[in-house]
Amino acid sequence: MSGSNWNGGETFEEGDNIRVWNPSTTEYTIYYYYTDDSHLYDGWYDMGGAEYFDDCAENADGLEAGWNAWYQSKGVVAPTVTMSGAIAPEDDVSITILGGGYSLISNPFPVNFQPNDANAVDWGDITGGETFEEGDNIRIWNPTTTEYTIYYYYTDETHLYDGWYDMGGAEYFEDCEGNENGIAAGEVFWYQSKALPGTSHKIKFLNPTK
């Protein structure tokens, strides 16, 4: 990861922060950008243990494709962040969802996708139900209303109408105004699993170039 206008410092309060959601602890793990006059040890460090990001046990593979982080800038000039590398053309990408909690995810491919399109995403062993309280939820931030728009996974014994529906109007996702183009490339959303804590399932995003 590279970029410009990053703000560093010798303390968490001075340096820019990145906050990575940990679904196991249901808390954010926070890292800050450390730098000093020598510039010998510049880099991202764990706020809790002051370990270099790469040395933290949970970061052995870095930030996984499809997972997201908040970036908090401490400066007055907007920073830029550049990610290097790409998903191999033949690869689909699977994301593990832990039961009973929230995961902060997005489509790892640079295309919009419709959540009810089986050619775009395989939701795996999703938990569905006839009500919002029973089915898994996805929550998408609406900057206009400054609220989340919530959808839930509906299913019943017939399985004739399985899919994602708007919690408010019980409309099929694609029929909701503003959803004609699906969820935008890079758009982040919360996934709330209604499965039992201690369980997990995988969501597989299907590579659109295959």
Protein backbone atom coordinates (compact mmCIF):
# COMPACT_ATOMS: atom_id res chain seq x y z
CA MET A 1 0.00 0.00 0.00
CA SER A 2 1.35 3.41 -0.94
CA GLY A 3 0.04 6.94 -1.20
CA SER A 4 0.63 10.57 -0.40
CA ASN A 5 -0.27 13.15 2.25
CA TRP A 6 -0.21 10.58 5.03
CA ASN A 7 0.16 12.17 8.45
CA GLY A 8 2.56 10.45 10.79
CA GLY A 9 3.64 10.98 14.36
CA GLU A 10 5.19 9.26 17.34
CA THR A 11 1.81 8.64 18.98
CA PHE A 12 -1.59 7.30 18.01
CA GLU A 13 -3.07 10.76 18.49
CA GLU A 14 -0.69 12.33 15.95
CA GLY A 15 -0.62 9.71 13.20
CA ASP A 16 -3.32 8.74 10.72
CA ASN A 17 -5.33 5.67 11.76
CA ILE A 18 -6.78 2.67 9.96
CA ARG A 19 -9.49 0.71 11.75
CA VAL A 20 -10.15 -2.89 10.74
CA TRP A 21 -13.34 -4.58 11.96
CA ASN A 22 -12.77 -7.82 13.83
CA PRO A 23 -15.96 -9.92 13.77
CA SER A 24 -14.57 -12.26 16.43
CA THR A 25 -14.17 -9.54 19.05
CA THR A 26 -16.90 -7.27 17.55
CA GLU A 27 -14.45 -4.39 17.87
CA TYR A 28 -12.12 -2.45 15.60
CA THR A 29 -8.41 -3.20 15.62
CA ILE A 30 -6.69 0.17 15.24
CA TYR A 31 -3.33 0.92 13.61
CA TYR A 32 -1.57 4.26 13.34
CA TYR A 33 1.07 5.67 11.03
CA TYR A 34 4.30 6.13 12.98
CA THR A 35 7.15 8.34 11.88
CA ASP A 36 9.90 10.35 13.56
CA ASP A 37 12.79 12.57 12.50
CA SER A 38 14.99 9.59 11.63
CA HIS A 39 12.39 7.94 9.37
CA LEU A 40 14.03 4.60 10.14
CA TYR A 41 10.88 2.98 11.45
CA ASP A 42 8.15 4.65 9.43
CA GLY A 43 5.07 2.47 8.98
CA TRP A 44 1.75 1.24 10.34
CA TYR A 45 1.77 -0.01 13.93
CA ASP A 46 -0.81 -1.63 16.18
CA MET A 47 -2.19 0.92 18.61
CA GLY A 48 -2.46 -1.66 21.40
CA GLY A 49 0.88 -3.41 21.30
CA ALA A 50 2.89 -1.00 19.13
CA GLU A 51 3.82 -3.91 16.85
CA TYR A 52 4.61 -3.33 13.20
CA PHE A 53 1.49 -4.24 11.19
CA ASP A 54 3.14 -7.16 9.40
CA ASP A 55 4.37 -8.65 12.70
CA CYS A 56 0.89 -8.91 14.26
CA ALA A 57 -0.24 -12.55 14.26
CA GLU A 58 -3.66 -11.79 12.75
CA ASN A 59 -2.05 -9.91 9.85
CA ALA A 60 0.00 -12.77 8.43
CA ASP A 61 -1.85 -12.53 5.11
CA GLY A 62 -2.48 -8.79 5.23
CA LEU A 63 -5.92 -7.32 4.61
CA GLU A 64 -8.00 -9.91 2.78
CA ALA A 65 -9.73 -9.17 -0.52
CA GLY A 66 -13.28 -8.03 0.18
CA TRP A 67 -12.58 -6.82 3.72
CA ASN A 68 -12.55 -3.13 4.48
CA ALA A 69 -10.93 -0.59 6.74
CA TRP A 70 -11.77 2.93 7.87
CA TYR A 71 -9.06 5.52 7.21
CA GLN A 72 -8.91 8.45 9.65
CA SER A 73 -6.77 11.34 8.46
CA LYS A 74 -5.26 13.69 11.02
CA GLY A 75 -4.25 16.29 8.43
CA VAL A 76 -5.91 19.11 6.53
CA VAL A 77 -4.98 17.77 3.08
CA ALA A 78 -6.84 14.69 1.85
CA PRO A 79 -4.56 11.63 1.70
CA THR A 80 -4.43 9.24 -1.23
CA VAL A 81 -4.18 5.46 -0.86
CA THR A 82 -2.99 3.21 -3.69
CA MET A 83 -3.40 -0.56 -3.54
CA SER A 84 -1.03 -2.61 -5.68
CA GLY A 85 -1.75 -6.01 -7.14
CA ALA A 86 -4.88 -7.59 -8.58
CA ILE A 87 -7.10 -10.63 -8.27
CA ALA A 88 -6.02 -13.35 -10.69
CA PRO A 89 -8.46 -13.55 -13.63
CA GLU A 90 -9.37 -17.16 -12.88
CA ASP A 91 -10.06 -16.61 -9.18
CA ASP A 92 -13.33 -16.25 -7.36
CA VAL A 93 -13.05 -14.68 -3.91
CA SER A 94 -14.55 -16.19 -0.75
CA ILE A 95 -15.14 -14.23 2.46
CA THR A 96 -15.80 -15.94 5.78
CA ILE A 97 -18.84 -14.70 7.71
CA LEU A 98 -19.01 -15.48 11.43
CA GLY A 99 -22.38 -16.38 12.90
CA GLY A 100 -24.21 -14.09 15.28
CA GLY A 101 -22.41 -10.87 14.44
CA TYR A 102 -21.49 -8.22 11.89
CA SER A 103 -18.90 -8.32 9.10
CA LEU A 104 -17.79 -5.26 7.11
CA ILE A 105 -17.31 -6.35 3.50
CA SER A 106 -17.59 -5.36 -0.16
CA ASN A 107 -17.38 -6.91 -3.60
CA PRO A 108 -13.64 -7.41 -4.27
CA PHE A 109 -14.11 -6.92 -8.02
CA PRO A 110 -14.32 -3.49 -9.71
CA VAL A 111 -17.88 -3.98 -10.98
CA ASN A 112 -21.37 -3.34 -9.65
CA PHE A 113 -23.34 -6.41 -8.61
CA GLN A 114 -26.93 -7.36 -7.90
CA PRO A 115 -27.21 -9.34 -4.64
CA ASN A 116 -29.93 -11.58 -6.10
CA ASP A 117 -27.84 -12.44 -9.17
CA ALA A 118 -26.57 -16.00 -8.75
CA ASN A 119 -23.95 -15.30 -11.43
CA ALA A 120 -22.45 -12.52 -9.31
CA VAL A 121 -22.41 -13.92 -5.79
CA ASP A 122 -23.01 -17.21 -4.02
CA TRP A 123 -24.23 -16.43 -0.50
CA GLY A 124 -23.52 -19.97 0.71
CA ASP A 125 -25.33 -21.28 3.79
CA ILE A 126 -27.27 -18.07 4.30
CA THR A 127 -29.84 -17.78 7.08
CA GLY A 128 -33.24 -16.78 5.73
CA GLY A 129 -36.70 -16.31 7.15
CA GLU A 130 -40.09 -14.74 6.57
CA THR A 131 -39.27 -11.69 8.70
CA PHE A 132 -36.45 -9.20 9.09
CA GLU A 133 -35.72 -10.60 12.54
CA GLU A 134 -35.14 -14.13 11.15
CA GLY A 135 -33.17 -13.50 7.97
CA ASP A 136 -29.60 -12.29 7.53
CA ASN A 137 -29.31 -8.53 6.89
CA ILE A 138 -27.18 -6.29 4.72
CA ARG A 139 -26.94 -2.62 5.67
CA ILE A 140 -25.87 -0.03 3.11
CA TRP A 141 -25.04 3.52 4.16
CA ASN A 142 -27.13 6.24 2.49
CA PRO A 143 -25.19 9.55 2.65
CA THR A 144 -28.31 11.49 1.63
CA THR A 145 -30.42 10.31 4.55
CA THR A 146 -27.37 9.68 6.80
CA GLU A 147 -28.91 6.33 7.69
CA TYR A 148 -28.46 2.71 6.71
CA THR A 149 -30.85 1.13 4.23
CA ILE A 150 -31.47 -2.40 5.46
CA TYR A 151 -32.31 -5.50 3.41
CA TYR A 152 -33.01 -9.00 4.68
CA TYR A 153 -32.89 -12.45 3.15
CA TYR A 154 -36.41 -13.80 2.74
CA THR A 155 -37.24 -17.45 2.30
CA ASP A 156 -40.16 -19.74 3.08
CA GLU A 157 -41.01 -23.40 2.60
CA THR A 158 -41.88 -22.93 -1.08
CA HIS A 159 -38.59 -21.18 -1.96
CA LEU A 160 -40.45 -19.46 -4.78
CA TYR A 161 -39.54 -15.95 -3.66
CA ASP A 162 -36.16 -16.41 -2.02
CA GLY A 163 -33.97 -13.32 -2.12
CA TRP A 164 -32.97 -9.99 -0.64
CA TYR A 165 -35.83 -7.63 0.21
CA ASP A 166 -36.07 -4.10 1.54
CA MET A 167 -36.86 -4.16 5.26
CA GLY A 168 -39.10 -1.10 4.97
CA GLY A 169 -41.22 -1.79 1.92
CA ALA A 170 -40.68 -5.53 1.50
CA GLU A 171 -39.71 -4.91 -2.12
CA TYR A 172 -37.32 -7.19 -3.98
CA PHE A 173 -33.89 -5.52 -3.96
CA GLU A 174 -33.78 -4.86 -7.70
CA ASP A 175 -37.26 -3.31 -7.64
CA CYS A 176 -36.33 -0.67 -5.07
CA GLU A 177 -35.83 2.82 -6.47
CA GLY A 178 -32.13 3.58 -6.84
CA ASN A 179 -31.06 -0.07 -6.98
CA GLU A 180 -31.25 -0.45 -10.75
CA ASN A 181 -27.46 -0.73 -10.99
CA GLY A 182 -27.05 -2.87 -7.89
CA ILE A 183 -24.40 -2.28 -5.25
CA ALA A 184 -21.63 -0.08 -6.62
CA ALA A 185 -18.08 -1.27 -7.15
CA GLY A 186 -16.13 -0.68 -3.95
CA GLU A 187 -19.25 0.12 -1.93
CA VAL A 188 -18.95 -1.16 1.62
CA PHE A 189 -21.80 -2.79 3.52
CA TRP A 190 -22.38 -4.50 6.83
CA TYR A 191 -23.47 -8.12 6.79
CA GLN A 192 -25.36 -9.26 9.89
CA SER A 193 -25.52 -13.02 10.30
CA LYS A 194 -28.43 -14.52 12.22
CA ALA A 195 -26.70 -17.89 12.51
CA LEU A 196 -25.56 -19.17 15.90
CA PRO A 197 -22.36 -17.70 17.38
CA GLY A 198 -19.44 -20.05 16.83
CA THR A 199 -20.65 -21.05 13.37
CA SER A 200 -19.54 -19.60 10.05
CA HIS A 201 -20.23 -19.72 6.34
CA LYS A 202 -18.54 -18.41 3.21
CA ILE A 203 -19.76 -15.86 0.69
CA LYS A 204 -18.24 -16.36 -2.74
CA PHE A 205 -17.99 -13.45 -5.17
CA LEU A 206 -17.75 -14.78 -8.72
CA ASN A 207 -15.15 -13.24 -10.98
CA PRO A 208 -16.99 -11.37 -13.76
CA THR A 209 -14.10 -11.85 -16.20
CA LYS A 210 -14.28 -15.65 -16.19
